[in-house]
Amino acid sequence: MNAIVIAQPGGPEVLELRQLPRPAPAPHEVLVRVAAAGVNRPDVLLRQGKYRGSGDVSGLVPGLEVAGVIESCGAAVTRWQPGDAVCALLAQGGYAEYAAVDARHCLPLPNGWTLAEVASLPETVFTVWHNVFQRGQLQPGETLLVHGGSSGIGVTAVQLAHALGSQVAATAGSVEKCTAVRSLGADWAINYKEEDFEQVLTEAGGVDVILDMIGGDYTAKNLRLLRDDGRLVFINAMQGSQASFNALEVMARRLTITGSTLRPRSAEFKAALAAEVERHVWPLLAAGSVRPVIHATLPLAQAADAHRLLESSAHIGKIVLTVDG
């Protein structure tokens, strides 16, 4: 099969199209004939050799989410049959014509969504549901601030929070991006290049939960902005992992600082998360309350170009690789 391989840690040019053996599913796995694969920031970190705990990435096939049709099932699989269309979460291996996936990490296609659209879902939806709604415990009527509101994670968080009855604020880096996040349900869209998000949202009364992928000097601002009992949730630290803040303020206002990464979590954790996502999020997708936001689709062989586009931050929503296999 054709697959994209990380030749060695480095820039986008280290992504090479190679012929690899087709994987064979274990008893608890299904073999998916991949139609499309989502492109995500963790793929970039993996390619660079900077994803914590990844070890030597030379020879690995990146890709954390796919959509396609099940080719075959392991002996222990009961829910799925060959021919079923699914999307799935993986630890790696999505940039390929075939991927072997834990059957519990697969979900059916929501009504009205194409395979390319559905390939944009698993990594972002699983990440947002766990961090915003499980760890951040966002409730209807509360206010969520999403940094990077026009990113793949951002457009998912904005739509889910809005659909479930919360007010939403988002930061983004251009007028076009701010317009896009407003159209998805954001009550405030703040161009961080022109306005101070802390000042704008302090005047609006603060926020209850913050989903932050920025880190660095945003951290102290985030904590000052939180209402009493507020929750700050980290999913990345693109501007730096070190920060200074007032611990006494955290104590006095009972603030919670937390965060997570999805890829290293156990198969059992991901299976439980998949079940909860299907129960709570899939009906919203089928109803049209959350819609796909695809910035670009590129063929598998252009994975390096997809990474360059992602790293440019010029996109709004997701970037997807399509596979002809």
Protein backbone atom coordinates (compact mmCIF):
# COMPACT_ATOMS: atom_id res chain seq x y z
CA MET A 1 0.00 0.00 0.00
CA ASN A 2 0.99 3.65 -0.35
CA ALA A 3 1.77 5.46 2.89
CA ILE A 4 3.47 8.63 4.06
CA VAL A 5 6.54 7.89 6.20
CA ILE A 6 8.63 10.19 8.38
CA ALA A 7 12.07 9.58 6.90
CA GLN A 8 13.73 11.29 9.86
CA PRO A 9 12.78 14.07 12.29
CA GLY A 10 12.64 17.42 10.52
CA GLY A 11 10.61 19.77 8.35
CA PRO A 12 7.74 18.90 6.02
CA GLU A 13 10.19 17.65 3.38
CA VAL A 14 10.94 14.54 5.49
CA LEU A 15 7.45 13.18 4.71
CA GLU A 16 7.95 10.60 1.95
CA LEU A 17 5.47 8.49 -0.03
CA ARG A 18 6.54 4.85 0.20
CA GLN A 19 5.21 1.36 -0.42
CA LEU A 20 4.59 -0.53 2.84
CA PRO A 21 2.97 -3.88 3.63
CA ARG A 22 -0.75 -3.69 4.26
CA PRO A 23 -1.39 -4.11 8.02
CA ALA A 24 -3.24 -7.17 9.30
CA PRO A 25 -5.87 -6.48 11.98
CA ALA A 26 -5.45 -8.06 15.40
CA PRO A 27 -8.46 -9.90 16.86
CA HIS A 28 -9.85 -6.69 18.42
CA GLU A 29 -9.14 -4.51 15.36
CA VAL A 30 -10.68 -3.67 12.02
CA LEU A 31 -8.80 -2.95 8.80
CA VAL A 32 -10.03 0.32 7.29
CA ARG A 33 -9.57 1.15 3.62
CA VAL A 34 -8.82 4.82 4.15
CA ALA A 35 -10.65 7.43 2.06
CA ALA A 36 -9.36 10.49 3.94
CA ALA A 37 -7.14 11.41 6.87
CA GLY A 38 -7.19 14.54 9.00
CA VAL A 39 -4.05 16.63 9.50
CA ASN A 40 -3.37 17.86 13.04
CA ARG A 41 -0.79 19.76 15.10
CA PRO A 42 0.33 16.58 16.91
CA ASP A 43 1.28 15.18 13.47
CA VAL A 44 3.67 18.12 13.09
CA LEU A 45 5.17 17.56 16.54
CA LEU A 46 5.57 13.85 15.75
CA ARG A 47 7.26 14.67 12.43
CA GLN A 48 9.65 17.03 14.23
CA GLY A 49 10.46 14.39 16.86
CA LYS A 50 9.09 16.71 19.55
CA TYR A 51 6.01 14.75 20.63
CA ARG A 52 6.73 13.78 24.22
CA GLY A 53 7.29 10.05 24.62
CA SER A 54 7.32 9.33 20.89
CA GLY A 55 10.93 8.10 20.82
CA ASP A 56 12.64 7.73 17.45
CA VAL A 57 10.02 8.64 14.84
CA SER A 58 12.05 7.59 11.79
CA GLY A 59 9.94 5.22 9.70
CA LEU A 60 6.65 6.03 11.44
CA VAL A 61 3.45 6.74 9.52
CA PRO A 62 1.75 9.81 11.04
CA GLY A 63 -1.98 10.40 11.14
CA LEU A 64 -4.33 10.36 14.14
CA GLU A 65 -7.74 10.24 12.44
CA VAL A 66 -9.19 8.60 9.35
CA ALA A 67 -12.46 7.87 7.61
CA GLY A 68 -13.10 5.01 5.23
CA VAL A 69 -14.73 1.63 4.72
CA ILE A 70 -13.99 -1.47 6.77
CA GLU A 71 -12.17 -4.05 4.66
CA SER A 72 -12.01 -6.85 7.24
CA CYS A 73 -12.60 -7.50 10.93
CA GLY A 74 -10.60 -9.32 13.57
CA ALA A 75 -12.09 -12.43 15.11
CA ALA A 76 -13.18 -10.68 18.33
CA VAL A 77 -14.99 -7.77 16.62
CA THR A 78 -18.78 -7.89 16.95
CA ARG A 79 -20.13 -4.40 16.20
CA TRP A 80 -18.70 -3.84 12.71
CA GLN A 81 -18.88 -5.69 9.41
CA PRO A 82 -16.87 -5.39 6.17
CA GLY A 83 -18.38 -2.61 4.10
CA ASP A 84 -19.31 -0.40 7.08
CA ALA A 85 -18.28 3.24 6.67
CA VAL A 86 -16.57 4.59 9.78
CA CYS A 87 -14.25 7.23 11.14
CA ALA A 88 -11.61 6.30 13.68
CA LEU A 89 -9.03 7.60 16.12
CA LEU A 90 -5.47 6.22 15.88
CA ALA A 91 -2.18 6.75 17.71
CA GLN A 92 -0.42 6.80 14.30
CA GLY A 93 -0.74 5.28 10.83
CA GLY A 94 -3.53 7.37 9.29
CA TYR A 95 -1.59 8.73 6.31
CA ALA A 96 -1.96 5.49 4.37
CA GLU A 97 -4.26 3.54 2.09
CA TYR A 98 -5.08 1.10 4.89
CA ALA A 99 -5.04 1.37 8.68
CA ALA A 100 -5.61 -1.21 11.41
CA VAL A 101 -7.72 0.34 14.17
CA ASP A 102 -9.06 -0.77 17.55
CA ALA A 103 -12.72 -1.47 16.76
CA ARG A 104 -13.80 0.40 19.89
CA HIS A 105 -12.21 3.59 18.53
CA CYS A 106 -14.43 3.61 15.42
CA LEU A 107 -17.64 5.57 15.06
CA PRO A 108 -20.28 5.49 12.29
CA LEU A 109 -20.67 8.25 9.74
CA PRO A 110 -23.12 10.92 10.90
CA ASN A 111 -26.05 11.45 8.53
CA GLY A 112 -25.25 13.94 5.80
CA TRP A 113 -21.46 13.93 6.24
CA THR A 114 -19.02 12.80 3.55
CA LEU A 115 -16.00 10.62 4.27
CA ALA A 116 -13.65 13.57 3.74
CA GLU A 117 -15.67 15.67 6.19
CA VAL A 118 -15.85 12.89 8.77
CA ALA A 119 -12.07 12.42 8.62
CA SER A 120 -11.81 15.84 10.27
CA LEU A 121 -13.73 14.72 13.35
CA PRO A 122 -12.11 12.13 15.65
CA GLU A 123 -8.99 13.92 16.93
CA THR A 124 -10.72 17.26 17.34
CA VAL A 125 -14.03 16.03 18.75
CA PHE A 126 -12.40 13.61 21.19
CA THR A 127 -9.97 16.33 22.32
CA VAL A 128 -12.66 18.97 22.77
CA TRP A 129 -15.13 16.70 24.52
CA HIS A 130 -12.55 15.47 27.01
CA ASN A 131 -10.92 18.82 27.73
CA VAL A 132 -13.84 21.24 27.58
CA PHE A 133 -16.69 19.09 28.87
CA GLN A 134 -15.01 16.43 31.02
CA ARG A 135 -11.95 18.19 32.46
CA GLY A 136 -13.29 21.74 32.08
CA GLN A 137 -16.84 20.73 33.11
CA LEU A 138 -18.40 23.46 30.96
CA GLN A 139 -22.09 23.88 31.80
CA PRO A 140 -24.99 25.46 29.89
CA GLY A 141 -25.12 29.16 30.69
CA GLU A 142 -21.39 29.40 31.40
CA THR A 143 -18.90 31.16 29.12
CA LEU A 144 -16.06 29.42 27.28
CA LEU A 145 -13.01 31.18 25.84
CA VAL A 146 -11.29 29.33 23.00
CA HIS A 147 -7.83 30.49 21.95
CA GLY A 148 -7.11 29.72 18.30
CA GLY A 149 -10.80 29.80 17.50
CA SER A 150 -10.31 29.28 13.75
CA SER A 151 -8.14 26.16 14.14
CA GLY A 152 -9.50 22.66 13.73
CA ILE A 153 -9.85 22.34 17.50
CA GLY A 154 -11.23 25.85 17.73
CA VAL A 155 -14.06 25.51 15.22
CA THR A 156 -15.14 22.29 16.94
CA ALA A 157 -15.04 23.80 20.44
CA VAL A 158 -16.96 26.91 19.39
CA GLN A 159 -19.71 24.90 17.72
CA LEU A 160 -20.10 22.29 20.45
CA ALA A 161 -20.20 24.84 23.28
CA HIS A 162 -22.71 26.99 21.40
CA ALA A 163 -24.89 23.99 20.55
CA LEU A 164 -24.95 22.88 24.19
CA GLY A 165 -26.04 26.23 25.57
CA SER A 166 -22.90 28.11 26.54
CA GLN A 167 -21.73 31.54 25.51
CA VAL A 168 -18.49 31.45 23.55
CA ALA A 169 -15.59 33.84 23.07
CA ALA A 170 -12.76 33.10 20.66
CA THR A 171 -9.45 34.68 19.71
CA ALA A 172 -8.20 34.64 16.14
CA GLY A 173 -5.58 36.46 14.09
CA SER A 174 -7.49 38.21 11.29
CA VAL A 175 -10.79 39.85 10.42
CA GLU A 176 -11.59 36.89 8.14
CA LYS A 177 -10.99 34.39 10.93
CA CYS A 178 -13.05 36.40 13.41
CA THR A 179 -15.92 36.55 10.93
CA ALA A 180 -15.70 32.78 10.49
CA VAL A 181 -15.86 31.96 14.21
CA ARG A 182 -18.80 34.33 14.68
CA SER A 183 -20.65 32.46 11.94
CA LEU A 184 -20.07 29.24 13.91
CA GLY A 185 -21.66 30.60 17.09
CA ALA A 186 -19.05 32.71 18.88
CA ASP A 187 -20.58 35.61 20.82
CA TRP A 188 -17.23 37.42 20.89
CA ALA A 189 -14.48 37.09 18.27
CA ILE A 190 -11.35 38.99 19.28
CA ASN A 191 -8.55 39.74 16.82
CA TYR A 192 -5.57 39.26 19.13
CA LYS A 193 -3.37 41.30 16.79
CA GLU A 194 -5.54 44.38 17.32
CA GLU A 195 -7.23 43.93 20.72
CA ASP A 196 -6.31 42.72 24.20
CA PHE A 197 -8.56 39.71 24.84
CA GLU A 198 -8.16 40.13 28.60
CA GLN A 199 -9.43 43.71 28.52
CA VAL A 200 -12.34 42.93 26.19
CA LEU A 201 -13.57 39.95 28.18
CA THR A 202 -12.95 41.48 31.61
CA GLU A 203 -15.28 44.29 30.57
CA ALA A 204 -17.77 41.59 29.52
CA GLY A 205 -17.65 39.99 32.97
CA GLY A 206 -15.01 37.28 32.59
CA VAL A 207 -15.28 33.63 31.57
CA ASP A 208 -15.75 30.28 33.30
CA VAL A 209 -13.62 27.92 31.18
CA ILE A 210 -10.64 28.60 28.91
CA LEU A 211 -9.34 26.14 26.32
CA ASP A 212 -5.75 27.21 25.72
CA MET A 213 -3.26 25.99 23.14
CA ILE A 214 -1.00 29.06 23.46
CA GLY A 215 0.60 29.03 26.93
CA GLY A 216 3.44 31.45 27.59
CA ASP A 217 2.36 34.95 28.61
CA TYR A 218 -1.30 34.08 27.96
CA THR A 219 -1.31 32.06 31.19
CA ALA A 220 -1.38 34.92 33.70
CA LYS A 221 -3.95 36.78 31.58
CA ASN A 222 -6.13 33.67 31.43
CA LEU A 223 -6.08 33.21 35.17
CA ARG A 224 -6.95 36.86 35.84
CA LEU A 225 -9.82 36.57 33.38
CA LEU A 226 -11.43 33.52 34.98
CA ARG A 227 -14.42 33.97 37.24
CA ASP A 228 -14.37 32.39 40.71
CA ASP A 229 -14.21 28.57 40.41
CA GLY A 230 -13.05 28.94 36.80
CA ARG A 231 -11.10 26.27 34.90
CA LEU A 232 -8.07 26.74 32.64
CA VAL A 233 -7.43 23.74 30.37
CA PHE A 234 -4.19 23.38 28.39
CA ILE A 235 -3.98 21.29 25.22
CA ASN A 236 -0.76 22.82 23.85
CA ALA A 237 1.75 25.55 24.64
CA MET A 238 2.68 26.99 21.26
CA GLN A 239 4.16 30.17 22.78
CA GLY A 240 6.05 28.42 25.56
CA SER A 241 5.56 25.96 28.39
CA GLN A 242 6.84 28.25 31.17
CA ALA A 243 4.72 30.91 32.84
CA SER A 244 4.49 32.97 36.04
CA PHE A 245 1.24 33.55 37.91
CA ASN A 246 -0.08 34.42 41.34
CA ALA A 247 -0.68 31.19 43.25
CA LEU A 248 -2.51 33.06 46.03
CA GLU A 249 -5.03 34.28 43.46
CA VAL A 250 -5.59 30.70 42.32
CA MET A 251 -6.24 29.66 45.91
CA ALA A 252 -8.46 32.61 46.83
CA ARG A 253 -10.70 32.22 43.78
CA ARG A 254 -10.62 28.41 43.73
CA LEU A 255 -9.31 28.21 40.17
CA THR A 256 -8.45 24.92 38.49
CA ILE A 257 -5.49 24.50 36.14
CA THR A 258 -5.48 21.27 34.15
CA GLY A 259 -4.75 19.87 30.70
CA SER A 260 -4.11 16.71 28.76
CA THR A 261 -2.73 15.05 25.64
CA LEU A 262 -4.78 12.40 23.87
CA ARG A 263 -2.34 10.25 21.91
CA PRO A 264 -0.59 8.56 24.90
CA ARG A 265 -3.83 7.61 26.69
CA SER A 266 -4.76 3.95 27.03
CA ALA A 267 -6.93 2.08 24.56
CA GLU A 268 -9.51 1.61 27.31
CA PHE A 269 -9.67 5.35 27.98
CA LYS A 270 -10.13 6.10 24.29
CA ALA A 271 -12.84 3.45 23.99
CA ALA A 272 -14.80 4.99 26.87
CA LEU A 273 -14.32 8.45 25.38
CA ALA A 274 -15.53 7.23 21.97
CA ALA A 275 -18.71 5.87 23.56
CA GLU A 276 -19.41 9.16 25.31
CA VAL A 277 -18.71 11.17 22.17
CA GLU A 278 -21.10 9.00 20.19
CA ARG A 279 -23.78 9.42 22.83
CA HIS A 280 -23.49 13.20 23.28
CA VAL A 281 -21.91 14.64 20.12
CA TRP A 282 -23.07 12.41 17.25
CA PRO A 283 -26.73 13.53 17.53
CA LEU A 284 -25.56 17.15 17.18
CA LEU A 285 -23.64 16.26 14.01
CA ALA A 286 -26.61 14.45 12.51
CA ALA A 287 -28.90 17.38 13.37
CA GLY A 288 -26.61 19.91 11.71
CA SER A 289 -25.91 21.76 14.96
CA VAL A 290 -22.20 21.16 14.30
CA ARG A 291 -21.04 21.31 10.70
CA PRO A 292 -17.77 20.48 8.95
CA VAL A 293 -15.28 23.29 8.37
CA ILE A 294 -12.75 22.06 5.82
CA HIS A 295 -10.18 24.59 4.65
CA ALA A 296 -8.50 22.37 2.07
CA THR A 297 -8.26 18.79 0.83
CA LEU A 298 -5.01 17.58 -0.69
CA PRO A 299 -4.02 14.17 -2.09
CA LEU A 300 -2.01 11.87 0.16
CA ALA A 301 1.17 12.42 -1.86
CA GLN A 302 1.03 16.12 -0.93
CA ALA A 303 1.24 15.53 2.81
CA ALA A 304 4.27 17.81 3.04
CA ASP A 305 2.26 20.66 1.49
CA ALA A 306 -0.54 19.98 3.96
CA HIS A 307 1.92 20.32 6.84
CA ARG A 308 3.29 23.56 5.41
CA LEU A 309 -0.23 24.94 5.20
CA LEU A 310 -0.99 23.88 8.77
CA GLU A 311 2.20 25.47 10.08
CA SER A 312 1.44 28.71 8.24
CA SER A 313 -1.73 29.12 10.33
CA ALA A 314 -3.42 30.55 7.24
CA HIS A 315 -6.20 27.97 7.40
CA ILE A 316 -9.69 28.18 8.89
CA GLY A 317 -10.85 24.78 10.10
CA LYS A 318 -9.35 21.46 9.09
CA ILE A 319 -6.93 20.26 6.42
CA VAL A 320 -7.66 16.78 5.05
CA LEU A 321 -5.64 14.34 2.95
CA THR A 322 -7.63 12.29 0.44
CA VAL A 323 -6.56 8.78 -0.46
CA ASP A 324 -7.08 6.97 -3.76
CA GLY A 325 -6.63 3.33 -2.98
